[in-house]
Amino acid sequence: CLGRLSPEKGHRDLLDALARVRREGSDFTAVFAGDGPDRSSLERDAAQAGLHDRVLFLGHVSPPNPVLEETDLLVLPSHTEGLPNVLLEALLMEVPVLATAVGGTPEVLEEGVTGHMVAPRDPAALADAILDYLRRPDEWQQTARRGQADVRARFDFGARTRRLEQIYDAVSGAGR
């Protein structure tokens, strides 16, 4: 999980989900890369949930690429979100993604095609999806490959800039 550690990012939901994944007998290491006002309380919650040996808190990491290079699955459990750059960054690096269907996330992901989404504030759904990833990592990797191609096609900075220029020209009448 990569991002600011604050209440709207849903990290407590992820910790609840990870506790369930552990109870199911799955082995994992979860990494929280980021900092924010919830860090110390999230560290306490992880320890109280018996996850102290499975969850690492790295603090702020910039740039995120070294973390993403070592990531098997990016989880974005947000309660609210704009257009999440971390999803674009992960998909460009072919990292499978699991995110909550909030804000601009459904604009980035197509469920089951380029990534996976669950409802926000639903730790059980997060746990089920993480367990599905652990059972079928190759299929999730295929979604990441499709996601990479999709991000390159739809979110390329140069292409986005050209589309904005066309809109500005049309609105201002400069295109006439």
N, C-alpha and C. Protein backbone atom coordinates (compact mmCIF):
# COMPACT_ATOMS: atom_id res chain seq x y z
N CYS A 1 0.86 -1.16 0.00
CA CYS A 1 0.00 0.00 0.00
C CYS A 1 0.91 1.22 0.00
N LEU A 2 0.67 2.12 -0.93
CA LEU A 2 1.55 3.26 -1.13
C LEU A 2 0.72 4.53 -1.09
N GLY A 3 1.02 5.42 -0.15
CA GLY A 3 0.30 6.68 -0.09
C GLY A 3 0.26 7.26 1.30
N ARG A 4 -0.42 8.36 1.41
CA ARG A 4 -0.55 9.09 2.67
C ARG A 4 -1.32 8.25 3.68
N LEU A 5 -0.82 8.18 4.90
CA LEU A 5 -1.47 7.43 5.97
C LEU A 5 -2.42 8.34 6.73
N SER A 6 -3.64 8.43 6.22
CA SER A 6 -4.67 9.28 6.83
C SER A 6 -6.01 8.56 6.74
N PRO A 7 -6.98 8.97 7.56
CA PRO A 7 -8.23 8.19 7.69
C PRO A 7 -8.96 7.89 6.38
N GLU A 8 -9.00 8.85 5.45
CA GLU A 8 -9.77 8.65 4.22
C GLU A 8 -9.15 7.61 3.29
N LYS A 9 -7.93 7.19 3.59
CA LYS A 9 -7.25 6.23 2.72
C LYS A 9 -7.60 4.77 3.06
N GLY A 10 -8.34 4.54 4.14
CA GLY A 10 -8.88 3.21 4.41
C GLY A 10 -7.88 2.17 4.89
N HIS A 11 -6.77 2.60 5.46
CA HIS A 11 -5.74 1.64 5.87
C HIS A 11 -6.21 0.69 6.99
N ARG A 12 -7.10 1.18 7.86
CA ARG A 12 -7.62 0.28 8.91
C ARG A 12 -8.42 -0.86 8.29
N ASP A 13 -9.15 -0.57 7.22
CA ASP A 13 -9.87 -1.63 6.51
C ASP A 13 -8.88 -2.67 5.99
N LEU A 14 -7.76 -2.20 5.46
CA LEU A 14 -6.75 -3.11 4.94
C LEU A 14 -6.15 -3.95 6.07
N LEU A 15 -5.88 -3.33 7.22
CA LEU A 15 -5.35 -4.11 8.34
C LEU A 15 -6.35 -5.18 8.79
N ASP A 16 -7.63 -4.83 8.83
CA ASP A 16 -8.67 -5.82 9.17
C ASP A 16 -8.67 -6.96 8.15
N ALA A 17 -8.54 -6.60 6.88
CA ALA A 17 -8.52 -7.62 5.82
C ALA A 17 -7.29 -8.52 5.97
N LEU A 18 -6.14 -7.92 6.26
CA LEU A 18 -4.92 -8.70 6.41
C LEU A 18 -4.99 -9.64 7.61
N ALA A 19 -5.65 -9.20 8.68
CA ALA A 19 -5.83 -10.09 9.84
C ALA A 19 -6.64 -11.31 9.42
N ARG A 20 -7.67 -11.11 8.62
CA ARG A 20 -8.47 -12.24 8.14
C ARG A 20 -7.65 -13.14 7.21
N VAL A 21 -6.87 -12.53 6.32
CA VAL A 21 -6.02 -13.32 5.41
C VAL A 21 -5.06 -14.19 6.23
N ARG A 22 -4.52 -13.63 7.29
CA ARG A 22 -3.62 -14.41 8.16
C ARG A 22 -4.36 -15.54 8.85
N ARG A 23 -5.57 -15.25 9.35
CA ARG A 23 -6.37 -16.30 10.00
C ARG A 23 -6.68 -17.44 9.04
N GLU A 24 -6.79 -17.12 7.75
CA GLU A 24 -7.05 -18.14 6.73
C GLU A 24 -5.81 -18.99 6.45
N GLY A 25 -4.68 -18.62 7.06
CA GLY A 25 -3.47 -19.41 6.91
C GLY A 25 -2.55 -18.99 5.78
N SER A 26 -2.82 -17.86 5.16
CA SER A 26 -1.97 -17.40 4.06
C SER A 26 -0.77 -16.64 4.59
N ASP A 27 0.34 -16.87 3.94
CA ASP A 27 1.59 -16.20 4.30
C ASP A 27 1.78 -14.97 3.41
N PHE A 28 2.17 -13.87 3.97
CA PHE A 28 2.37 -12.63 3.21
C PHE A 28 3.22 -11.67 4.02
N THR A 29 3.74 -10.69 3.34
CA THR A 29 4.34 -9.52 3.97
C THR A 29 3.66 -8.32 3.34
N ALA A 30 3.11 -7.45 4.16
CA ALA A 30 2.47 -6.24 3.66
C ALA A 30 3.37 -5.05 3.99
N VAL A 31 3.47 -4.15 3.03
CA VAL A 31 4.31 -2.97 3.21
C VAL A 31 3.44 -1.73 3.03
N PHE A 32 3.50 -0.85 4.01
CA PHE A 32 2.83 0.45 3.94
C PHE A 32 3.94 1.48 3.70
N ALA A 33 3.97 2.03 2.50
CA ALA A 33 4.95 3.05 2.15
C ALA A 33 4.24 4.39 2.13
N GLY A 34 4.59 5.24 3.03
CA GLY A 34 3.96 6.55 3.14
C GLY A 34 3.99 7.00 4.58
N ASP A 35 3.61 8.23 4.77
CA ASP A 35 3.57 8.78 6.12
C ASP A 35 2.32 9.63 6.25
N GLY A 36 2.00 10.00 7.45
CA GLY A 36 0.83 10.82 7.67
C GLY A 36 0.36 10.72 9.11
N PRO A 37 -0.74 11.38 9.42
CA PRO A 37 -1.19 11.48 10.81
C PRO A 37 -1.61 10.14 11.43
N ASP A 38 -1.92 9.15 10.63
CA ASP A 38 -2.37 7.86 11.18
C ASP A 38 -1.25 6.85 11.38
N ARG A 39 -0.04 7.18 11.03
CA ARG A 39 1.02 6.18 11.06
C ARG A 39 1.16 5.49 12.41
N SER A 40 1.32 6.24 13.48
CA SER A 40 1.56 5.60 14.78
C SER A 40 0.37 4.75 15.22
N SER A 41 -0.85 5.24 14.99
CA SER A 41 -2.01 4.44 15.39
C SER A 41 -2.16 3.19 14.51
N LEU A 42 -1.80 3.29 13.23
CA LEU A 42 -1.84 2.11 12.36
C LEU A 42 -0.80 1.08 12.79
N GLU A 43 0.36 1.55 13.20
CA GLU A 43 1.39 0.63 13.71
C GLU A 43 0.89 -0.09 14.96
N ARG A 44 0.24 0.64 15.86
CA ARG A 44 -0.34 0.00 17.06
C ARG A 44 -1.43 -0.99 16.68
N ASP A 45 -2.32 -0.59 15.74
CA ASP A 45 -3.40 -1.48 15.31
C ASP A 45 -2.85 -2.76 14.69
N ALA A 46 -1.78 -2.64 13.91
CA ALA A 46 -1.17 -3.82 13.29
C ALA A 46 -0.63 -4.75 14.37
N ALA A 47 0.02 -4.19 15.37
CA ALA A 47 0.56 -5.01 16.45
C ALA A 47 -0.57 -5.68 17.23
N GLN A 48 -1.63 -4.93 17.54
CA GLN A 48 -2.76 -5.49 18.29
C GLN A 48 -3.48 -6.58 17.50
N ALA A 49 -3.45 -6.51 16.17
CA ALA A 49 -4.09 -7.52 15.34
C ALA A 49 -3.18 -8.73 15.13
N GLY A 50 -2.01 -8.73 15.75
CA GLY A 50 -1.09 -9.84 15.60
C GLY A 50 -0.36 -9.84 14.27
N LEU A 51 -0.23 -8.67 13.67
CA LEU A 51 0.41 -8.56 12.36
C LEU A 51 1.80 -7.94 12.43
N HIS A 52 2.31 -7.77 13.65
CA HIS A 52 3.60 -7.08 13.81
C HIS A 52 4.73 -7.72 13.00
N ASP A 53 4.64 -9.02 12.75
CA ASP A 53 5.67 -9.71 11.98
C ASP A 53 5.34 -9.81 10.49
N ARG A 54 4.21 -9.25 10.08
CA ARG A 54 3.76 -9.35 8.69
C ARG A 54 3.58 -8.00 8.02
N VAL A 55 3.56 -6.91 8.79
CA VAL A 55 3.32 -5.58 8.23
C VAL A 55 4.50 -4.67 8.54
N LEU A 56 5.04 -4.08 7.50
CA LEU A 56 6.16 -3.15 7.63
C LEU A 56 5.69 -1.74 7.28
N PHE A 57 6.14 -0.77 8.04
CA PHE A 57 5.84 0.64 7.76
C PHE A 57 7.16 1.31 7.36
N LEU A 58 7.27 1.69 6.10
CA LEU A 58 8.52 2.25 5.57
C LEU A 58 8.65 3.74 5.76
N GLY A 59 7.54 4.44 5.97
CA GLY A 59 7.59 5.89 5.95
C GLY A 59 7.52 6.40 4.52
N HIS A 60 7.79 7.69 4.35
CA HIS A 60 7.71 8.31 3.03
C HIS A 60 8.80 7.74 2.12
N VAL A 61 8.41 7.40 0.91
CA VAL A 61 9.35 6.88 -0.09
C VAL A 61 9.16 7.69 -1.38
N SER A 62 10.26 8.29 -1.86
CA SER A 62 10.18 9.05 -3.10
C SER A 62 11.49 8.88 -3.86
N PRO A 63 11.40 8.47 -5.09
CA PRO A 63 10.21 8.12 -5.86
C PRO A 63 9.70 6.74 -5.46
N PRO A 64 8.46 6.40 -5.87
CA PRO A 64 7.87 5.12 -5.45
C PRO A 64 8.38 3.91 -6.22
N ASN A 65 9.09 4.12 -7.32
CA ASN A 65 9.48 3.01 -8.19
C ASN A 65 10.21 1.88 -7.48
N PRO A 66 11.17 2.14 -6.58
CA PRO A 66 11.84 1.02 -5.91
C PRO A 66 10.88 0.14 -5.12
N VAL A 67 9.88 0.74 -4.51
CA VAL A 67 8.89 -0.05 -3.77
C VAL A 67 8.04 -0.84 -4.75
N LEU A 68 7.57 -0.18 -5.80
CA LEU A 68 6.72 -0.86 -6.78
C LEU A 68 7.45 -2.00 -7.49
N GLU A 69 8.76 -1.86 -7.69
CA GLU A 69 9.53 -2.92 -8.34
C GLU A 69 9.51 -4.21 -7.52
N GLU A 70 9.34 -4.09 -6.21
CA GLU A 70 9.34 -5.26 -5.32
C GLU A 70 7.92 -5.67 -4.90
N THR A 71 6.93 -5.05 -5.50
CA THR A 71 5.53 -5.28 -5.10
C THR A 71 4.88 -6.34 -5.97
N ASP A 72 4.20 -7.28 -5.32
CA ASP A 72 3.45 -8.31 -6.04
C ASP A 72 2.01 -7.88 -6.29
N LEU A 73 1.46 -7.10 -5.37
CA LEU A 73 0.07 -6.63 -5.46
C LEU A 73 -0.03 -5.28 -4.78
N LEU A 74 -0.55 -4.29 -5.48
CA LEU A 74 -0.79 -2.99 -4.86
C LEU A 74 -2.25 -2.95 -4.41
N VAL A 75 -2.47 -2.57 -3.16
CA VAL A 75 -3.82 -2.44 -2.63
C VAL A 75 -4.06 -0.98 -2.27
N LEU A 76 -5.14 -0.42 -2.80
CA LEU A 76 -5.55 0.95 -2.52
C LEU A 76 -6.94 0.91 -1.90
N PRO A 77 -7.03 0.90 -0.55
CA PRO A 77 -8.32 0.71 0.13
C PRO A 77 -9.07 2.00 0.45
N SER A 78 -8.90 3.03 -0.35
CA SER A 78 -9.42 4.37 -0.04
C SER A 78 -10.93 4.43 0.13
N HIS A 79 -11.36 5.35 0.99
CA HIS A 79 -12.77 5.68 1.13
C HIS A 79 -13.16 6.77 0.15
N THR A 80 -12.20 7.58 -0.23
CA THR A 80 -12.40 8.65 -1.19
C THR A 80 -11.10 8.81 -1.97
N GLU A 81 -11.22 9.26 -3.20
CA GLU A 81 -10.04 9.33 -4.05
C GLU A 81 -10.33 10.26 -5.21
N GLY A 82 -9.32 10.89 -5.74
CA GLY A 82 -9.44 11.63 -7.00
C GLY A 82 -9.11 10.65 -8.11
N LEU A 83 -8.20 11.05 -8.98
CA LEU A 83 -7.65 10.13 -9.97
C LEU A 83 -6.34 9.63 -9.38
N PRO A 84 -6.32 8.38 -8.90
CA PRO A 84 -5.16 7.90 -8.12
C PRO A 84 -3.94 7.61 -9.00
N ASN A 85 -2.96 8.49 -8.92
CA ASN A 85 -1.73 8.32 -9.68
C ASN A 85 -1.03 7.01 -9.34
N VAL A 86 -1.14 6.57 -8.09
CA VAL A 86 -0.44 5.35 -7.70
C VAL A 86 -0.93 4.14 -8.52
N LEU A 87 -2.20 4.15 -8.91
CA LEU A 87 -2.70 3.06 -9.76
C LEU A 87 -2.04 3.12 -11.14
N LEU A 88 -1.93 4.32 -11.68
CA LEU A 88 -1.28 4.48 -12.98
C LEU A 88 0.18 4.03 -12.91
N GLU A 89 0.87 4.46 -11.85
CA GLU A 89 2.28 4.10 -11.68
C GLU A 89 2.45 2.59 -11.54
N ALA A 90 1.59 1.96 -10.73
CA ALA A 90 1.69 0.51 -10.54
C ALA A 90 1.43 -0.23 -11.84
N LEU A 91 0.37 0.15 -12.54
CA LEU A 91 0.05 -0.54 -13.78
C LEU A 91 1.14 -0.36 -14.83
N LEU A 92 1.74 0.82 -14.89
CA LEU A 92 2.84 1.02 -15.84
C LEU A 92 4.00 0.07 -15.55
N MET A 93 4.12 -0.35 -14.30
CA MET A 93 5.18 -1.29 -13.92
C MET A 93 4.67 -2.73 -13.88
N GLU A 94 3.46 -2.95 -14.44
CA GLU A 94 2.83 -4.27 -14.50
C GLU A 94 2.61 -4.90 -13.12
N VAL A 95 2.26 -4.07 -12.15
CA VAL A 95 1.93 -4.57 -10.82
C VAL A 95 0.41 -4.73 -10.76
N PRO A 96 -0.09 -5.92 -10.43
CA PRO A 96 -1.54 -6.09 -10.28
C PRO A 96 -2.07 -5.16 -9.20
N VAL A 97 -3.31 -4.67 -9.41
CA VAL A 97 -3.89 -3.72 -8.45
C VAL A 97 -5.26 -4.18 -7.98
N LEU A 98 -5.50 -3.88 -6.71
CA LEU A 98 -6.79 -4.07 -6.05
C LEU A 98 -7.11 -2.73 -5.41
N ALA A 99 -8.26 -2.18 -5.74
CA ALA A 99 -8.62 -0.86 -5.21
C ALA A 99 -10.11 -0.82 -4.90
N THR A 100 -10.48 0.14 -4.09
CA THR A 100 -11.89 0.36 -3.84
C THR A 100 -12.46 1.22 -4.97
N ALA A 101 -13.70 0.96 -5.29
CA ALA A 101 -14.36 1.64 -6.42
C ALA A 101 -14.88 3.00 -5.96
N VAL A 102 -13.95 3.94 -5.78
CA VAL A 102 -14.31 5.30 -5.36
C VAL A 102 -13.64 6.31 -6.29
N GLY A 103 -14.23 7.50 -6.36
CA GLY A 103 -13.64 8.59 -7.12
C GLY A 103 -13.30 8.21 -8.54
N GLY A 104 -12.08 8.51 -8.94
CA GLY A 104 -11.64 8.24 -10.31
C GLY A 104 -11.13 6.83 -10.55
N THR A 105 -11.13 5.99 -9.53
CA THR A 105 -10.61 4.63 -9.70
C THR A 105 -11.33 3.87 -10.81
N PRO A 106 -12.67 3.90 -10.88
CA PRO A 106 -13.33 3.20 -11.99
C PRO A 106 -12.99 3.77 -13.37
N GLU A 107 -12.45 4.99 -13.43
CA GLU A 107 -11.99 5.54 -14.70
C GLU A 107 -10.67 4.92 -15.12
N VAL A 108 -9.90 4.44 -14.15
CA VAL A 108 -8.61 3.82 -14.42
C VAL A 108 -8.75 2.32 -14.65
N LEU A 109 -9.57 1.67 -13.82
CA LEU A 109 -9.66 0.21 -13.83
C LEU A 109 -10.97 -0.27 -14.45
N GLU A 110 -10.87 -1.34 -15.20
CA GLU A 110 -12.04 -2.08 -15.63
C GLU A 110 -12.00 -3.40 -14.88
N GLU A 111 -13.01 -3.62 -14.05
CA GLU A 111 -13.03 -4.78 -13.16
C GLU A 111 -12.76 -6.08 -13.90
N GLY A 112 -11.73 -6.80 -13.41
CA GLY A 112 -11.38 -8.10 -13.97
C GLY A 112 -10.64 -8.05 -15.29
N VAL A 113 -10.53 -6.86 -15.87
CA VAL A 113 -9.85 -6.72 -17.16
C VAL A 113 -8.48 -6.07 -16.96
N THR A 114 -8.47 -4.89 -16.31
CA THR A 114 -7.21 -4.18 -16.09
C THR A 114 -6.84 -4.09 -14.61
N GLY A 115 -7.70 -4.58 -13.74
CA GLY A 115 -7.47 -4.57 -12.30
C GLY A 115 -8.70 -5.10 -11.60
N HIS A 116 -8.69 -4.97 -10.29
CA HIS A 116 -9.82 -5.47 -9.50
C HIS A 116 -10.27 -4.40 -8.51
N MET A 117 -11.60 -4.33 -8.32
CA MET A 117 -12.17 -3.34 -7.40
C MET A 117 -13.16 -4.02 -6.48
N VAL A 118 -13.26 -3.45 -5.27
CA VAL A 118 -14.26 -3.85 -4.29
C VAL A 118 -14.91 -2.58 -3.75
N ALA A 119 -16.00 -2.76 -3.04
CA ALA A 119 -16.68 -1.61 -2.42
C ALA A 119 -15.79 -1.04 -1.30
N PRO A 120 -15.89 0.27 -1.07
CA PRO A 120 -15.12 0.85 0.04
C PRO A 120 -15.70 0.42 1.38
N ARG A 121 -14.86 0.51 2.41
CA ARG A 121 -15.25 0.22 3.79
C ARG A 121 -15.73 -1.22 3.97
N ASP A 122 -15.13 -2.14 3.21
CA ASP A 122 -15.54 -3.54 3.27
C ASP A 122 -14.30 -4.43 3.41
N PRO A 123 -13.78 -4.55 4.64
CA PRO A 123 -12.58 -5.37 4.85
C PRO A 123 -12.75 -6.82 4.40
N ALA A 124 -13.95 -7.37 4.53
CA ALA A 124 -14.17 -8.76 4.10
C ALA A 124 -13.97 -8.90 2.60
N ALA A 125 -14.47 -7.93 1.84
CA ALA A 125 -14.29 -7.96 0.38
C ALA A 125 -12.81 -7.80 0.02
N LEU A 126 -12.11 -6.93 0.73
CA LEU A 126 -10.67 -6.77 0.50
C LEU A 126 -9.96 -8.09 0.77
N ALA A 127 -10.29 -8.73 1.90
CA ALA A 127 -9.65 -10.01 2.25
C ALA A 127 -9.94 -11.06 1.19
N ASP A 128 -11.19 -11.16 0.75
CA ASP A 128 -11.54 -12.14 -0.29
C ASP A 128 -10.74 -11.91 -1.56
N ALA A 129 -10.58 -10.65 -1.94
CA ALA A 129 -9.84 -10.33 -3.17
C ALA A 129 -8.35 -10.63 -2.99
N ILE A 130 -7.79 -10.33 -1.83
CA ILE A 130 -6.38 -10.65 -1.58
C ILE A 130 -6.18 -12.16 -1.62
N LEU A 131 -7.08 -12.90 -1.01
CA LEU A 131 -7.00 -14.36 -1.05
C LEU A 131 -7.12 -14.88 -2.48
N ASP A 132 -7.97 -14.25 -3.28
CA ASP A 132 -8.09 -14.64 -4.68
C ASP A 132 -6.76 -14.40 -5.40
N TYR A 133 -6.14 -13.25 -5.14
CA TYR A 133 -4.83 -12.98 -5.74
C TYR A 133 -3.83 -14.07 -5.34
N LEU A 134 -3.80 -14.43 -4.06
CA LEU A 134 -2.84 -15.43 -3.59
C LEU A 134 -3.08 -16.80 -4.23
N ARG A 135 -4.33 -17.09 -4.59
CA ARG A 135 -4.65 -18.36 -5.26
C ARG A 135 -4.37 -18.31 -6.76
N ARG A 136 -4.51 -17.12 -7.36
CA ARG A 136 -4.42 -17.01 -8.83
C ARG A 136 -3.52 -15.84 -9.26
N PRO A 137 -2.27 -15.81 -8.80
CA PRO A 137 -1.43 -14.65 -9.15
C PRO A 137 -1.19 -14.50 -10.65
N ASP A 138 -1.13 -15.60 -11.39
CA ASP A 138 -0.89 -15.49 -12.83
C ASP A 138 -2.03 -14.78 -13.55
N GLU A 139 -3.26 -15.06 -13.14
CA GLU A 139 -4.40 -14.39 -13.76
C GLU A 139 -4.41 -12.90 -13.42
N TRP A 140 -4.06 -12.58 -12.19
CA TRP A 140 -3.98 -11.17 -11.80
C TRP A 140 -2.84 -10.48 -12.55
N GLN A 141 -1.76 -11.18 -12.82
CA GLN A 141 -0.66 -10.60 -13.57
C GLN A 141 -1.10 -10.28 -14.99
N GLN A 142 -1.98 -11.10 -15.55
CA GLN A 142 -2.52 -10.81 -16.88
C GLN A 142 -3.31 -9.50 -16.87
N THR A 143 -4.07 -9.26 -15.78
CA THR A 143 -4.81 -7.99 -15.71
C THR A 143 -3.84 -6.82 -15.66
N ALA A 144 -2.72 -7.01 -14.98
CA ALA A 144 -1.72 -5.94 -14.90
C ALA A 144 -1.11 -5.65 -16.27
N ARG A 145 -0.87 -6.69 -17.06
CA ARG A 145 -0.34 -6.46 -18.42
C ARG A 145 -1.35 -5.69 -19.26
N ARG A 146 -2.63 -6.08 -19.16
CA ARG A 146 -3.66 -5.34 -19.90
C ARG A 146 -3.78 -3.92 -19.35
N GLY A 147 -3.64 -3.78 -18.04
CA GLY A 147 -3.69 -2.46 -17.43
C GLY A 147 -2.56 -1.56 -17.90
N GLN A 148 -1.39 -2.13 -18.05
CA GLN A 148 -0.25 -1.35 -18.54
C GLN A 148 -0.53 -0.81 -19.95
N ALA A 149 -1.02 -1.68 -20.81
CA ALA A 149 -1.34 -1.25 -22.17
C ALA A 149 -2.42 -0.17 -22.16
N ASP A 150 -3.42 -0.33 -21.31
CA ASP A 150 -4.51 0.63 -21.22
C ASP A 150 -4.02 1.99 -20.71
N VAL A 151 -3.19 1.98 -19.68
CA VAL A 151 -2.66 3.24 -19.14
C VAL A 151 -1.81 3.95 -20.20
N ARG A 152 -1.00 3.19 -20.91
CA ARG A 152 -0.19 3.82 -21.97
C ARG A 152 -1.06 4.44 -23.05
N ALA A 153 -2.16 3.78 -23.37
CA ALA A 153 -3.04 4.28 -24.43
C ALA A 153 -3.89 5.46 -23.97
N ARG A 154 -4.40 5.40 -22.74
CA ARG A 154 -5.39 6.41 -22.32
C ARG A 154 -4.83 7.51 -21.43
N PHE A 155 -3.70 7.30 -20.79
CA PHE A 155 -3.22 8.27 -19.81
C PHE A 155 -1.84 8.82 -20.15
N ASP A 156 -1.38 8.61 -21.36
CA ASP A 156 -0.11 9.16 -21.80
C ASP A 156 -0.17 10.69 -21.70
N PHE A 157 0.84 11.29 -21.07
CA PHE A 157 0.83 12.73 -20.83
C PHE A 157 0.76 13.52 -22.14
N GLY A 158 1.54 13.11 -23.13
CA GLY A 158 1.53 13.83 -24.41
C GLY A 158 0.17 13.76 -25.08
N ALA A 159 -0.43 12.57 -25.09
CA ALA A 159 -1.76 12.41 -25.71
C ALA A 159 -2.80 13.23 -24.94
N ARG A 160 -2.72 13.22 -23.61
CA ARG A 160 -3.67 14.00 -22.81
C ARG A 160 -3.52 15.48 -23.10
N THR A 161 -2.29 15.95 -23.23
CA THR A 161 -2.04 17.36 -23.52
C THR A 161 -2.62 17.73 -24.88
N ARG A 162 -2.41 16.88 -25.88
CA ARG A 162 -2.95 17.16 -27.21
C ARG A 162 -4.48 17.21 -27.18
N ARG A 163 -5.12 16.31 -26.43
CA ARG A 163 -6.59 16.34 -26.32
C ARG A 163 -7.06 17.63 -25.63
N LEU A 164 -6.36 18.05 -24.60
CA LEU A 164 -6.73 19.31 -23.93
C LEU A 164 -6.56 20.50 -24.89
N GLU A 165 -5.50 20.49 -25.65
CA GLU A 165 -5.30 21.57 -26.63
C GLU A 165 -6.44 21.60 -27.64
N GLN A 166 -6.90 20.44 -28.09
CA GLN A 166 -8.03 20.38 -29.03
C GLN A 166 -9.29 20.94 -28.39
N ILE A 167 -9.51 20.62 -27.12
CA ILE A 167 -10.69 21.14 -26.42
C ILE A 167 -10.59 22.66 -26.31
N TYR A 168 -9.42 23.17 -25.90
CA TYR A 168 -9.23 24.60 -25.77
C TYR A 168 -9.43 25.31 -27.12
N ASP A 169 -8.87 24.71 -28.17
CA ASP A 169 -9.04 25.30 -29.51
C ASP A 169 -10.52 25.35 -29.91
N ALA A 170 -11.24 24.26 -29.64
CA ALA A 170 -12.66 24.20 -30.00
C ALA A 170 -13.46 25.24 -29.21
N VAL A 171 -13.17 25.37 -27.93
CA VAL A 171 -13.92 26.30 -27.08
C VAL A 171 -13.59 27.75 -27.43
N SER A 172 -12.34 28.02 -27.71
CA SER A 172 -11.92 29.40 -27.98
C SER A 172 -12.16 29.83 -29.44
N GLY A 173 -12.47 28.85 -30.28
CA GLY A 173 -12.70 29.16 -31.68
C GLY A 173 -11.40 29.21 -32.48
N ALA A 174 -10.27 28.89 -31.84
CA ALA A 174 -8.98 28.94 -32.52
C ALA A 174 -8.85 27.88 -33.59
N GLY A 175 -9.64 26.84 -33.45
CA GLY A 175 -9.57 25.75 -34.44
C GLY A 175 -10.30 26.06 -35.72
N ARG A 176 -10.95 27.23 -35.80
CA ARG A 176 -11.73 27.60 -37.01
C ARG A 176 -10.91 28.33 -38.00
